[in-house]
Structures are given as structure tokens and as C-alpha cells.
């Protein structure tokens, strides 16, 4: 997904709202919920509606979509709606879609190693033949959140290499080295990895 913002249109006015909406679009893309083939040059209410529609189709933020449909949101309500959608996406795994998207990025063997599963199981989850257990769903969602941060700087090959490179911020270890065993997104290592990836959005660590 390409986002090259050239202009901002009504009803969006706040730069913070625009930046948050770009984060939402990146996360929807990494979760496999929204694919935009053409570059987005203008960020406006239509883009927000497109994002809300994509999230609601996966059962995320349906109340928000109803509020947007029923009435016009003022600037304060719009900011709150954007923040609510961002939080809902961060808190809501979508394992069927995320398994498909992460398989397309990492491939079955590498994703199995990162997520603590098997290639065969991941393919079944991605096909909908089986439902991913909650712990694996949480890991797939965490990976999508990291990928959402990285895709602003890297293509998919670069994303894969990023997980393999040793980093001083991780005590000389590569991100992949911290994702072993029965890891949880709330563990110290994954939290540090996500923060490292977020630094890229502000031009920080690479």
C-alpha cells in the first residue's frame, strides 16, 4: 500500500488526526484487511470511511461505523472516532486475515519459526479450515503491528531482513532471536522489538 500525502481535505483538519489515520491504514494493510493498489495522495473523510468499512467487515469498530453513518461528526467527535478505531485495531487480532498476510510476507517456514507454530498449521489457519488458538492469534497480531511500522521504510524483503539483523538496542541480538519458545507479546523482548520498529516512523532506529 502506498501513502504519499499531498493534501488534506475536509473534514480532517488536525495534523495529529491525519498521522493517526495513516497509522490506521498501515495497520489495516499489515493485518490483511485493506489493500490499496493506487497511491493515496489526499487524506479526507472518504479515506476514513474506507478504513472504518474495512475494519467493520472484520468485526472491528462496528459501533464507530454506525456513528459515522447516522450523523455528522464534529472535529472533536472525529478525532475521538479516529483514536477509537486505532485502539480497536491494536486490540483486536484477526487471525484468519493476518495468517494469510504474514504468510505472504515471511513464507511458511520463517513465519512458523517467528510465531511458534508449524507451516502446516499456519496454512490451515489461513485457509479457514481451523481457528487459530488465542495465544497464536495474539502473536500473529503482534507481528502485523510490527510489520505496519516497518512497511513505511522497507519492502517485504527488507521486513524479513529486519528481523534477522542484530541490533544494539536489543543487546546485540536480532529480533528473531527474542521470539522463541512460548513467547507472549507482553514479554520484555517483544515489547522492545515493537518500540524499536515504532522508532522508524519518527526517523529513529533502523
C-alpha atoms as a PDB file:
ATOM      1  CA  UNK A   1       0.000   0.000   0.000  1.00  0.00           C
ATOM      2  CA  UNK A   2       1.388   3.414  -0.987  1.00  0.00           C
ATOM      3  CA  UNK A   3       0.568   6.553   1.002  1.00  0.00           C
ATOM      4  CA  UNK A   4       2.060   9.731  -0.402  1.00  0.00           C
ATOM      5  CA  UNK A   5       0.093  12.519   1.228  1.00  0.00           C
ATOM      6  CA  UNK A   6      -0.053  15.659  -0.875  1.00  0.00           C
ATOM      7  CA  UNK A   7      -3.163  17.272   0.560  1.00  0.00           C
ATOM      8  CA  UNK A   8      -5.671  17.106   3.394  1.00  0.00           C
ATOM      9  CA  UNK A   9      -9.371  17.695   2.822  1.00  0.00           C
ATOM     10  CA  UNK A  10     -12.448  18.197   4.993  1.00  0.00           C
ATOM     11  CA  UNK A  11     -13.482  17.081   7.485  1.00  0.00           C
ATOM     12  CA  UNK A  12      -9.909  16.341   8.598  1.00  0.00           C
ATOM     13  CA  UNK A  13      -8.127  19.385   9.965  1.00  0.00           C
ATOM     14  CA  UNK A  14      -5.743  18.198  12.649  1.00  0.00           C
ATOM     15  CA  UNK A  15      -2.285  17.027  11.659  1.00  0.00           C
ATOM     16  CA  UNK A  16      -2.422  14.551  14.529  1.00  0.00           C
ATOM     17  CA  UNK A  17      -5.637  13.067  13.135  1.00  0.00           C
ATOM     18  CA  UNK A  18      -4.031  12.666   9.716  1.00  0.00           C
ATOM     19  CA  UNK A  19      -0.958  10.950  11.138  1.00  0.00           C
ATOM     20  CA  UNK A  20      -3.151   8.618  13.196  1.00  0.00           C
ATOM     21  CA  UNK A  21      -5.263   7.786  10.146  1.00  0.00           C
ATOM     22  CA  UNK A  22      -2.110   6.935   8.198  1.00  0.00           C
ATOM     23  CA  UNK A  23      -1.148   4.587  11.042  1.00  0.00           C
ATOM     24  CA  UNK A  24      -4.618   3.025  10.819  1.00  0.00           C
ATOM     25  CA  UNK A  25      -4.243   2.447   7.080  1.00  0.00           C
ATOM     26  CA  UNK A  26      -0.810   0.889   7.580  1.00  0.00           C
ATOM     27  CA  UNK A  27      -2.169  -1.437  10.252  1.00  0.00           C
ATOM     28  CA  UNK A  28      -5.179  -2.454   8.166  1.00  0.00           C
ATOM     29  CA  UNK A  29      -2.781  -3.276   5.340  1.00  0.00           C
ATOM     30  CA  UNK A  30      -0.483  -5.351   7.562  1.00  0.00           C
ATOM     31  CA  UNK A  31      -3.490  -7.162   9.068  1.00  0.00           C
ATOM     32  CA  UNK A  32      -4.654  -8.119   5.577  1.00  0.00           C
ATOM     33  CA  UNK A  33      -7.909  -6.176   5.978  1.00  0.00           C
ATOM     34  CA  UNK A  34      -7.392  -3.470   3.362  1.00  0.00           C
ATOM     35  CA  UNK A  35      -5.430  -3.458   0.132  1.00  0.00           C
ATOM     36  CA  UNK A  36      -4.975  -0.171  -1.695  1.00  0.00           C
ATOM     37  CA  UNK A  37      -3.223  -0.623  -5.021  1.00  0.00           C
ATOM     38  CA  UNK A  38      -3.113   3.038  -6.025  1.00  0.00           C
ATOM     39  CA  UNK A  39      -1.190   5.666  -4.005  1.00  0.00           C
ATOM     40  CA  UNK A  40      -3.305   7.717  -1.599  1.00  0.00           C
ATOM     41  CA  UNK A  41      -2.494  11.360  -2.230  1.00  0.00           C
ATOM     42  CA  UNK A  42      -5.388  13.053  -0.417  1.00  0.00           C
ATOM     43  CA  UNK A  43      -6.370  12.164   3.134  1.00  0.00           C
ATOM     44  CA  UNK A  44     -10.037  13.005   3.681  1.00  0.00           C
ATOM     45  CA  UNK A  45     -13.284  11.733   5.129  1.00  0.00           C
ATOM     46  CA  UNK A  46     -13.641   9.209   2.332  1.00  0.00           C
ATOM     47  CA  UNK A  47     -10.371   7.560   3.334  1.00  0.00           C
ATOM     48  CA  UNK A  48     -11.534   7.388   6.941  1.00  0.00           C
ATOM     49  CA  UNK A  49     -14.806   5.805   5.838  1.00  0.00           C
ATOM     50  CA  UNK A  50     -12.899   3.276   3.732  1.00  0.00           C
ATOM     51  CA  UNK A  51     -10.762   2.374   6.745  1.00  0.00           C
ATOM     52  CA  UNK A  52     -13.812   2.072   9.013  1.00  0.00           C
ATOM     53  CA  UNK A  53     -15.602  -0.122   6.461  1.00  0.00           C
ATOM     54  CA  UNK A  54     -12.603  -2.453   6.202  1.00  0.00           C
ATOM     55  CA  UNK A  55     -12.323  -2.779   9.977  1.00  0.00           C
ATOM     56  CA  UNK A  56     -16.057  -3.339  10.440  1.00  0.00           C
ATOM     57  CA  UNK A  57     -16.027  -6.111   7.826  1.00  0.00           C
ATOM     58  CA  UNK A  58     -13.715  -7.985  10.201  1.00  0.00           C
ATOM     59  CA  UNK A  59     -15.957  -7.226  13.174  1.00  0.00           C
ATOM     60  CA  UNK A  60     -13.808  -4.353  14.466  1.00  0.00           C
ATOM     61  CA  UNK A  61     -15.223  -0.917  15.229  1.00  0.00           C
ATOM     62  CA  UNK A  62     -18.792  -1.578  14.111  1.00  0.00           C
ATOM     63  CA  UNK A  63     -20.195   0.898  16.638  1.00  0.00           C
ATOM     64  CA  UNK A  64     -17.898   3.546  15.233  1.00  0.00           C
ATOM     65  CA  UNK A  65     -19.108   2.865  11.710  1.00  0.00           C
ATOM     66  CA  UNK A  66     -22.723   3.176  12.841  1.00  0.00           C
ATOM     67  CA  UNK A  67     -21.989   6.568  14.436  1.00  0.00           C
ATOM     68  CA  UNK A  68     -20.334   7.750  11.253  1.00  0.00           C
ATOM     69  CA  UNK A  69     -23.356   6.616   9.243  1.00  0.00           C
ATOM     70  CA  UNK A  70     -26.039   8.083  11.499  1.00  0.00           C
ATOM     71  CA  UNK A  71     -24.777  11.630  11.791  1.00  0.00           C
ATOM     72  CA  UNK A  72     -22.049  14.113  11.022  1.00  0.00           C
ATOM     73  CA  UNK A  73     -19.179  14.076  13.487  1.00  0.00           C
ATOM     74  CA  UNK A  74     -17.747  17.417  14.555  1.00  0.00           C
ATOM     75  CA  UNK A  75     -13.963  17.970  14.810  1.00  0.00           C
ATOM     76  CA  UNK A  76     -13.806  16.689  18.381  1.00  0.00           C
ATOM     77  CA  UNK A  77     -16.001  13.687  17.605  1.00  0.00           C
ATOM     78  CA  UNK A  78     -13.950  12.926  14.516  1.00  0.00           C
ATOM     79  CA  UNK A  79     -10.707  12.952  16.486  1.00  0.00           C
ATOM     80  CA  UNK A  80     -12.259  10.648  19.076  1.00  0.00           C
ATOM     81  CA  UNK A  81     -13.511   8.308  16.354  1.00  0.00           C
ATOM     82  CA  UNK A  82     -10.080   8.066  14.748  1.00  0.00           C
ATOM     83  CA  UNK A  83      -8.463   7.347  18.091  1.00  0.00           C
ATOM     84  CA  UNK A  84     -11.109   4.731  18.903  1.00  0.00           C
ATOM     85  CA  UNK A  85     -10.571   2.952  15.591  1.00  0.00           C
ATOM     86  CA  UNK A  86      -6.805   2.976  16.087  1.00  0.00           C
ATOM     87  CA  UNK A  87      -7.132   1.481  19.567  1.00  0.00           C
ATOM     88  CA  UNK A  88      -9.678  -1.101  18.448  1.00  0.00           C
ATOM     89  CA  UNK A  89      -7.387  -2.308  15.672  1.00  0.00           C
ATOM     90  CA  UNK A  90      -4.424  -2.581  18.018  1.00  0.00           C
ATOM     91  CA  UNK A  91      -6.509  -4.589  20.482  1.00  0.00           C
ATOM     92  CA  UNK A  92      -8.270  -6.904  18.000  1.00  0.00           C
ATOM     93  CA  UNK A  93      -6.495  -9.861  16.386  1.00  0.00           C
ATOM     94  CA  UNK A  94      -7.876 -11.021  13.045  1.00  0.00           C
ATOM     95  CA  UNK A  95      -6.041 -14.365  12.756  1.00  0.00           C
ATOM     96  CA  UNK A  96      -7.627 -15.586   9.524  1.00  0.00           C
ATOM     97  CA  UNK A  97      -6.591 -12.470   7.616  1.00  0.00           C
ATOM     98  CA  UNK A  98      -3.335 -11.962   9.496  1.00  0.00           C
ATOM     99  CA  UNK A  99      -2.186 -15.532   8.895  1.00  0.00           C
ATOM    100  CA  UNK A 100      -2.717 -15.026   5.160  1.00  0.00           C
ATOM    101  CA  UNK A 101      -0.939 -11.672   5.092  1.00  0.00           C
ATOM    102  CA  UNK A 102       2.019 -12.723   7.220  1.00  0.00           C
ATOM    103  CA  UNK A 103       2.452 -15.918   5.177  1.00  0.00           C
ATOM    104  CA  UNK A 104       2.678 -13.772   2.062  1.00  0.00           C
ATOM    105  CA  UNK A 105       5.437 -11.697   3.676  1.00  0.00           C
ATOM    106  CA  UNK A 106       7.539 -14.253   5.545  1.00  0.00           C
ATOM    107  CA  UNK A 107       6.676 -17.557   3.896  1.00  0.00           C
ATOM    108  CA  UNK A 108       5.549 -20.626   5.879  1.00  0.00           C
ATOM    109  CA  UNK A 109       8.897 -21.706   7.332  1.00  0.00           C
ATOM    110  CA  UNK A 110      10.026 -18.293   8.571  1.00  0.00           C
ATOM    111  CA  UNK A 111       6.577 -17.393   9.900  1.00  0.00           C
ATOM    112  CA  UNK A 112       6.328 -20.719  11.718  1.00  0.00           C
ATOM    113  CA  UNK A 113       9.648 -20.006  13.438  1.00  0.00           C
ATOM    114  CA  UNK A 114       8.588 -16.482  14.460  1.00  0.00           C
ATOM    115  CA  UNK A 115       5.068 -17.377  15.569  1.00  0.00           C
ATOM    116  CA  UNK A 116       5.857 -20.671  17.292  1.00  0.00           C
ATOM    117  CA  UNK A 117       3.643 -22.797  15.083  1.00  0.00           C
ATOM    118  CA  UNK A 118       4.094 -25.184  12.175  1.00  0.00           C
ATOM    119  CA  UNK A 119       3.857 -24.378   8.444  1.00  0.00           C
ATOM    120  CA  UNK A 120       1.007 -26.864   8.017  1.00  0.00           C
ATOM    121  CA  UNK A 121      -0.988 -25.369  10.897  1.00  0.00           C
ATOM    122  CA  UNK A 122      -0.471 -21.832   9.608  1.00  0.00           C
ATOM    123  CA  UNK A 123      -1.766 -22.827   6.203  1.00  0.00           C
ATOM    124  CA  UNK A 124      -4.867 -24.326   7.824  1.00  0.00           C
ATOM    125  CA  UNK A 125      -5.480 -21.158   9.841  1.00  0.00           C
ATOM    126  CA  UNK A 126      -5.002 -19.024   6.716  1.00  0.00           C
ATOM    127  CA  UNK A 127      -7.444 -21.170   4.757  1.00  0.00           C
ATOM    128  CA  UNK A 128     -10.076 -21.059   7.490  1.00  0.00           C
ATOM    129  CA  UNK A 129     -10.009 -24.840   7.956  1.00  0.00           C
ATOM    130  CA  UNK A 130      -9.045 -24.328  11.602  1.00  0.00           C
ATOM    131  CA  UNK A 131      -9.356 -21.474  14.065  1.00  0.00           C
ATOM    132  CA  UNK A 132      -6.071 -20.220  15.457  1.00  0.00           C
ATOM    133  CA  UNK A 133      -5.767 -20.583  19.241  1.00  0.00           C
ATOM    134  CA  UNK A 134      -5.815 -17.300  21.152  1.00  0.00           C
ATOM    135  CA  UNK A 135      -2.104 -17.366  22.002  1.00  0.00           C
ATOM    136  CA  UNK A 136      -1.090 -17.804  18.371  1.00  0.00           C
ATOM    137  CA  UNK A 137      -3.660 -15.222  17.254  1.00  0.00           C
ATOM    138  CA  UNK A 138      -2.034 -12.728  19.627  1.00  0.00           C
ATOM    139  CA  UNK A 139       1.402 -13.434  18.139  1.00  0.00           C
ATOM    140  CA  UNK A 140       0.166 -13.052  14.565  1.00  0.00           C
ATOM    141  CA  UNK A 141      -1.460  -9.759  15.518  1.00  0.00           C
ATOM    142  CA  UNK A 142       1.730  -8.552  17.178  1.00  0.00           C
ATOM    143  CA  UNK A 143       3.673  -9.401  14.013  1.00  0.00           C
ATOM    144  CA  UNK A 144       1.152  -7.442  11.956  1.00  0.00           C
ATOM    145  CA  UNK A 145       1.634  -4.433  14.235  1.00  0.00           C
ATOM    146  CA  UNK A 146       5.410  -4.600  13.804  1.00  0.00           C
ATOM    147  CA  UNK A 147       5.084  -5.023  10.033  1.00  0.00           C
ATOM    148  CA  UNK A 148       2.772  -1.998   9.899  1.00  0.00           C
ATOM    149  CA  UNK A 149       5.575   0.101  11.378  1.00  0.00           C
ATOM    150  CA  UNK A 150       8.281  -1.358   9.151  1.00  0.00           C
ATOM    151  CA  UNK A 151       6.484  -1.094   5.819  1.00  0.00           C
ATOM    152  CA  UNK A 152       6.876   2.669   5.832  1.00  0.00           C
ATOM    153  CA  UNK A 153      10.616   2.144   5.416  1.00  0.00           C
ATOM    154  CA  UNK A 154      11.030  -1.344   3.905  1.00  0.00           C
ATOM    155  CA  UNK A 155       9.561  -3.579   1.258  1.00  0.00           C
ATOM    156  CA  UNK A 156       8.697  -7.140   2.232  1.00  0.00           C
ATOM    157  CA  UNK A 157      12.239  -8.414   1.646  1.00  0.00           C
ATOM    158  CA  UNK A 158      13.546  -5.629   3.865  1.00  0.00           C
ATOM    159  CA  UNK A 159      10.994  -6.509   6.545  1.00  0.00           C
ATOM    160  CA  UNK A 160      12.245 -10.098   6.578  1.00  0.00           C
ATOM    161  CA  UNK A 161      15.869  -8.980   6.849  1.00  0.00           C
ATOM    162  CA  UNK A 162      14.989  -6.553   9.643  1.00  0.00           C
ATOM    163  CA  UNK A 163      14.008  -9.456  11.881  1.00  0.00           C
ATOM    164  CA  UNK A 164      17.365 -11.164  11.258  1.00  0.00           C
ATOM    165  CA  UNK A 165      19.723  -8.238  11.841  1.00  0.00           C
ATOM    166  CA  UNK A 166      21.448  -7.894  15.221  1.00  0.00           C
ATOM    167  CA  UNK A 167      20.732  -4.603  16.974  1.00  0.00           C
ATOM    168  CA  UNK A 168      22.479  -2.718  19.739  1.00  0.00           C
ATOM    169  CA  UNK A 169      19.070  -1.675  21.133  1.00  0.00           C
ATOM    170  CA  UNK A 170      18.342  -5.373  21.738  1.00  0.00           C
ATOM    171  CA  UNK A 171      21.659  -6.086  23.469  1.00  0.00           C
ATOM    172  CA  UNK A 172      23.242  -7.199  20.208  1.00  0.00           C
ATOM    173  CA  UNK A 173      20.525  -9.724  19.387  1.00  0.00           C
ATOM    174  CA  UNK A 174      18.293  -9.923  16.338  1.00  0.00           C
ATOM    175  CA  UNK A 175      14.522  -9.573  16.804  1.00  0.00           C
ATOM    176  CA  UNK A 176      14.015 -13.153  15.641  1.00  0.00           C
ATOM    177  CA  UNK A 177      16.277 -14.362  18.457  1.00  0.00           C
ATOM    178  CA  UNK A 178      13.866 -12.960  21.034  1.00  0.00           C
ATOM    179  CA  UNK A 179      10.845 -14.701  19.522  1.00  0.00           C
ATOM    180  CA  UNK A 180      11.492 -18.255  20.627  1.00  0.00           C
ATOM    181  CA  UNK A 181       9.674 -20.686  22.863  1.00  0.00           C
ATOM    182  CA  UNK A 182       6.252 -19.868  24.246  1.00  0.00           C
ATOM    183  CA  UNK A 183       6.640 -16.100  23.919  1.00  0.00           C
ATOM    184  CA  UNK A 184       3.902 -13.562  24.585  1.00  0.00           C
ATOM    185  CA  UNK A 185       3.563 -10.080  23.025  1.00  0.00           C
ATOM    186  CA  UNK A 186       3.632  -8.590  26.523  1.00  0.00           C
ATOM    187  CA  UNK A 187       7.048 -10.120  27.257  1.00  0.00           C
ATOM    188  CA  UNK A 188      10.023  -7.784  27.572  1.00  0.00           C
ATOM    189  CA  UNK A 189      11.620  -8.839  24.271  1.00  0.00           C
ATOM    190  CA  UNK A 190       8.564  -8.382  22.008  1.00  0.00           C
ATOM    191  CA  UNK A 191       7.742  -5.058  23.707  1.00  0.00           C
ATOM    192  CA  UNK A 192      11.275  -3.819  22.952  1.00  0.00           C
ATOM    193  CA  UNK A 193      11.038  -5.022  19.349  1.00  0.00           C
ATOM    194  CA  UNK A 194       7.767  -3.180  18.753  1.00  0.00           C
ATOM    195  CA  UNK A 195       9.179   0.013  20.244  1.00  0.00           C
ATOM    196  CA  UNK A 196      12.253  -0.323  18.015  1.00  0.00           C
ATOM    197  CA  UNK A 197      10.052  -0.669  14.940  1.00  0.00           C
ATOM    198  CA  UNK A 198       7.957   2.325  16.013  1.00  0.00           C
ATOM    199  CA  UNK A 199      11.128   4.404  16.110  1.00  0.00           C
ATOM    200  CA  UNK A 200      11.297   4.158  12.340  1.00  0.00           C
ATOM    201  CA  UNK A 201       8.111   6.210  11.961  1.00  0.00           C
ATOM    202  CA  UNK A 202       9.819   9.128  13.631  1.00  0.00           C
ATOM    203  CA  UNK A 203      13.100   8.602  11.817  1.00  0.00           C
ATOM    204  CA  UNK A 204      14.697   6.816  14.747  1.00  0.00           C
ATOM    205  CA  UNK A 205      16.359   3.418  14.974  1.00  0.00           C
ATOM    206  CA  UNK A 206      16.857   1.334  11.852  1.00  0.00           C
END
